[in-house]
Structures are given as C-alpha cells and as structure tokens.
Amino acid sequence: MGFRYSACHEGRRLGLSGWVRNTADGGVETFFQGPPEKAEAFLAWLRCGPPGARVDKLDYKRVKPQSKAGPFTVSY
C-alpha cells in the first residue's frame, strides 16, 4: 500500500476528517482535523509514514477547522 492510502487508512483509524493527495513536485500534502490528541498521533505517524516509506521532511501549519470536512479520503 502506498503512502497516500496508508495515510488515509491511519486518518480513518484515528477518526479524523480530511484528505491526502500527491503534489506536482512529487510530495504529499494532507489536511486533517479531529481531537487534538488524535491529530498529534497522526502527525507522529506522518513523520515516519508506512513501512518502507522515506520521509525527508515534514512541514505543517495549524489552521481553523472546517465545519464541512468529511470522512478521510484520498484526493486526486
């Protein structure tokens, strides 16, 4: 399973809302929201990724929650 699908699975497992997608430069970006402890757990997961992944860097910023965020999905 690739990084995006693994991230989606982990986000759902943690009960988060949001999405994950590839970027044009070959990176991955995600938007997610949920209880602070679950969001922190997802950030910790993102620092390593799934088995076999290589995470060179993790940049993130906190933003206002979105009231219409749905279930965690892979976006294209």
N, C-alpha and C. Protein backbone atom coordinates (compact mmCIF):
# COMPACT_ATOMS: atom_id res chain seq x y z
N MET A 1 0.85 -1.17 0.00
CA MET A 1 0.00 0.00 0.00
C MET A 1 0.91 1.24 0.00
N GLY A 2 0.57 2.24 -0.82
CA GLY A 2 1.37 3.44 -0.92
C GLY A 2 1.14 4.41 0.23
N PHE A 3 1.91 5.49 0.21
CA PHE A 3 1.86 6.46 1.29
C PHE A 3 0.48 7.06 1.45
N ARG A 4 -0.14 7.51 0.33
CA ARG A 4 -1.45 8.17 0.45
C ARG A 4 -2.50 7.24 1.03
N TYR A 5 -2.55 6.02 0.53
CA TYR A 5 -3.56 5.09 1.02
C TYR A 5 -3.29 4.68 2.46
N SER A 6 -2.03 4.55 2.82
CA SER A 6 -1.69 4.26 4.21
C SER A 6 -2.08 5.43 5.12
N ALA A 7 -1.82 6.65 4.65
CA ALA A 7 -2.19 7.84 5.43
C ALA A 7 -3.71 7.92 5.59
N CYS A 8 -4.43 7.62 4.52
CA CYS A 8 -5.89 7.64 4.59
C CYS A 8 -6.38 6.60 5.61
N HIS A 9 -5.81 5.41 5.54
CA HIS A 9 -6.18 4.36 6.49
C HIS A 9 -5.91 4.80 7.93
N GLU A 10 -4.74 5.40 8.16
CA GLU A 10 -4.38 5.85 9.51
C GLU A 10 -5.29 6.98 9.97
N GLY A 11 -5.58 7.93 9.07
CA GLY A 11 -6.50 9.01 9.42
C GLY A 11 -7.87 8.49 9.81
N ARG A 12 -8.37 7.52 9.05
CA ARG A 12 -9.68 6.92 9.38
C ARG A 12 -9.61 6.15 10.69
N ARG A 13 -8.51 5.41 10.88
CA ARG A 13 -8.36 4.64 12.12
C ARG A 13 -8.41 5.56 13.33
N LEU A 14 -7.84 6.76 13.19
CA LEU A 14 -7.82 7.72 14.29
C LEU A 14 -9.11 8.52 14.40
N GLY A 15 -10.01 8.35 13.43
CA GLY A 15 -11.28 9.07 13.47
C GLY A 15 -11.18 10.52 13.01
N LEU A 16 -10.20 10.81 12.16
CA LEU A 16 -10.01 12.17 11.67
C LEU A 16 -10.83 12.42 10.41
N SER A 17 -11.10 13.67 10.13
CA SER A 17 -11.68 14.10 8.87
C SER A 17 -10.55 14.70 8.05
N GLY A 18 -10.68 14.64 6.72
CA GLY A 18 -9.69 15.30 5.89
C GLY A 18 -9.40 14.57 4.61
N TRP A 19 -8.24 14.88 4.03
CA TRP A 19 -7.82 14.29 2.77
C TRP A 19 -6.30 14.24 2.69
N VAL A 20 -5.82 13.45 1.73
CA VAL A 20 -4.40 13.36 1.43
C VAL A 20 -4.27 13.26 -0.08
N ARG A 21 -3.24 13.91 -0.66
CA ARG A 21 -3.05 13.88 -2.11
C ARG A 21 -1.58 14.10 -2.46
N ASN A 22 -1.24 13.72 -3.69
CA ASN A 22 0.10 13.98 -4.22
C ASN A 22 0.17 15.43 -4.67
N THR A 23 1.38 15.98 -4.69
CA THR A 23 1.60 17.32 -5.21
C THR A 23 2.38 17.20 -6.53
N ALA A 24 2.38 18.26 -7.30
CA ALA A 24 3.05 18.26 -8.60
C ALA A 24 4.55 18.01 -8.49
N ASP A 25 5.15 18.37 -7.36
CA ASP A 25 6.59 18.19 -7.20
C ASP A 25 6.97 16.83 -6.63
N GLY A 26 6.00 15.92 -6.53
CA GLY A 26 6.29 14.57 -6.05
C GLY A 26 6.09 14.38 -4.56
N GLY A 27 5.67 15.42 -3.87
CA GLY A 27 5.41 15.32 -2.44
C GLY A 27 3.99 14.87 -2.15
N VAL A 28 3.65 14.89 -0.92
CA VAL A 28 2.31 14.54 -0.46
C VAL A 28 1.85 15.65 0.47
N GLU A 29 0.58 16.05 0.34
CA GLU A 29 0.02 17.01 1.28
C GLU A 29 -1.28 16.47 1.83
N THR A 30 -1.60 16.94 3.02
CA THR A 30 -2.81 16.48 3.67
C THR A 30 -3.43 17.61 4.49
N PHE A 31 -4.73 17.55 4.61
CA PHE A 31 -5.48 18.41 5.52
C PHE A 31 -6.25 17.45 6.41
N PHE A 32 -6.19 17.67 7.70
CA PHE A 32 -6.93 16.80 8.61
C PHE A 32 -7.35 17.57 9.84
N GLN A 33 -8.39 17.08 10.46
CA GLN A 33 -8.85 17.69 11.71
C GLN A 33 -9.53 16.62 12.56
N GLY A 34 -9.51 16.90 13.86
CA GLY A 34 -10.09 15.99 14.84
C GLY A 34 -9.62 16.40 16.21
N PRO A 35 -9.88 15.57 17.20
CA PRO A 35 -9.44 15.88 18.56
C PRO A 35 -7.92 16.08 18.59
N PRO A 36 -7.45 17.03 19.40
CA PRO A 36 -6.01 17.33 19.43
C PRO A 36 -5.11 16.12 19.63
N GLU A 37 -5.46 15.20 20.50
CA GLU A 37 -4.60 14.05 20.75
C GLU A 37 -4.54 13.13 19.52
N LYS A 38 -5.64 13.04 18.77
CA LYS A 38 -5.66 12.22 17.56
C LYS A 38 -4.87 12.90 16.45
N ALA A 39 -4.99 14.22 16.34
CA ALA A 39 -4.23 14.98 15.34
C ALA A 39 -2.73 14.86 15.61
N GLU A 40 -2.33 14.94 16.88
CA GLU A 40 -0.92 14.78 17.23
C GLU A 40 -0.42 13.38 16.90
N ALA A 41 -1.27 12.37 17.13
CA ALA A 41 -0.89 10.99 16.80
C ALA A 41 -0.70 10.85 15.28
N PHE A 42 -1.54 11.51 14.50
CA PHE A 42 -1.40 11.45 13.04
C PHE A 42 -0.12 12.16 12.60
N LEU A 43 0.18 13.30 13.20
CA LEU A 43 1.44 13.99 12.89
C LEU A 43 2.64 13.08 13.19
N ALA A 44 2.59 12.39 14.29
CA ALA A 44 3.68 11.47 14.64
C ALA A 44 3.79 10.37 13.59
N TRP A 45 2.67 9.85 13.13
CA TRP A 45 2.68 8.82 12.09
C TRP A 45 3.27 9.38 10.80
N LEU A 46 2.89 10.61 10.44
CA LEU A 46 3.38 11.22 9.21
C LEU A 46 4.90 11.40 9.22
N ARG A 47 5.49 11.59 10.38
CA ARG A 47 6.95 11.77 10.46
C ARG A 47 7.70 10.54 9.99
N CYS A 48 7.08 9.37 10.08
CA CYS A 48 7.72 8.12 9.66
C CYS A 48 7.05 7.51 8.44
N GLY A 49 5.73 7.62 8.35
CA GLY A 49 4.98 7.01 7.26
C GLY A 49 4.86 5.51 7.44
N PRO A 50 4.36 4.84 6.39
CA PRO A 50 4.20 3.40 6.46
C PRO A 50 5.54 2.68 6.30
N PRO A 51 5.58 1.39 6.58
CA PRO A 51 6.83 0.64 6.40
C PRO A 51 7.34 0.81 4.96
N GLY A 52 8.63 1.05 4.83
CA GLY A 52 9.24 1.21 3.53
C GLY A 52 9.23 2.63 2.97
N ALA A 53 8.54 3.54 3.65
CA ALA A 53 8.48 4.92 3.18
C ALA A 53 9.73 5.68 3.60
N ARG A 54 10.02 6.73 2.87
CA ARG A 54 11.11 7.63 3.23
C ARG A 54 10.51 9.02 3.37
N VAL A 55 10.54 9.56 4.56
CA VAL A 55 10.04 10.90 4.82
C VAL A 55 11.26 11.79 5.03
N ASP A 56 11.49 12.70 4.08
CA ASP A 56 12.66 13.59 4.17
C ASP A 56 12.39 14.79 5.05
N LYS A 57 11.15 15.26 5.03
CA LYS A 57 10.83 16.46 5.79
C LYS A 57 9.33 16.53 5.98
N LEU A 58 8.92 17.13 7.09
CA LEU A 58 7.51 17.34 7.38
C LEU A 58 7.31 18.80 7.74
N ASP A 59 6.55 19.50 6.93
CA ASP A 59 6.18 20.88 7.22
C ASP A 59 4.69 20.87 7.54
N TYR A 60 4.29 21.63 8.54
CA TYR A 60 2.87 21.72 8.82
C TYR A 60 2.54 23.07 9.43
N LYS A 61 1.27 23.42 9.30
CA LYS A 61 0.77 24.62 9.95
C LYS A 61 -0.64 24.33 10.44
N ARG A 62 -0.97 24.97 11.53
CA ARG A 62 -2.31 24.82 12.10
C ARG A 62 -3.22 25.87 11.50
N VAL A 63 -4.43 25.45 11.12
CA VAL A 63 -5.41 26.36 10.54
C VAL A 63 -6.74 26.15 11.24
N LYS A 64 -7.67 27.06 10.99
CA LYS A 64 -9.00 26.93 11.58
C LYS A 64 -9.69 25.67 11.07
N PRO A 65 -10.40 24.96 11.94
CA PRO A 65 -11.15 23.78 11.49
C PRO A 65 -12.22 24.17 10.47
N GLN A 66 -12.54 23.25 9.59
CA GLN A 66 -13.59 23.44 8.61
C GLN A 66 -14.82 22.67 9.05
N SER A 67 -15.95 23.32 9.07
CA SER A 67 -17.16 22.66 9.54
C SER A 67 -17.67 21.61 8.55
N LYS A 68 -17.28 21.69 7.28
CA LYS A 68 -17.78 20.76 6.28
C LYS A 68 -16.80 19.65 5.94
N ALA A 69 -15.78 19.46 6.72
CA ALA A 69 -14.82 18.39 6.42
C ALA A 69 -15.51 17.05 6.59
N GLY A 70 -15.33 16.18 5.61
CA GLY A 70 -15.98 14.88 5.65
C GLY A 70 -15.02 13.79 6.06
N PRO A 71 -15.40 12.54 5.79
CA PRO A 71 -14.54 11.41 6.14
C PRO A 71 -13.19 11.53 5.43
N PHE A 72 -12.17 10.94 6.01
CA PHE A 72 -10.82 11.00 5.44
C PHE A 72 -10.82 10.29 4.10
N THR A 73 -10.27 10.95 3.06
CA THR A 73 -10.25 10.39 1.72
C THR A 73 -8.89 10.62 1.05
N VAL A 74 -8.67 9.88 -0.03
CA VAL A 74 -7.55 10.14 -0.93
C VAL A 74 -8.10 11.05 -2.00
N SER A 75 -7.47 12.19 -2.19
CA SER A 75 -7.92 13.16 -3.18
C SER A 75 -7.02 13.07 -4.41
N TYR A 76 -7.59 13.34 -5.57
CA TYR A 76 -6.83 13.26 -6.83
C TYR A 76 -6.76 14.59 -7.50
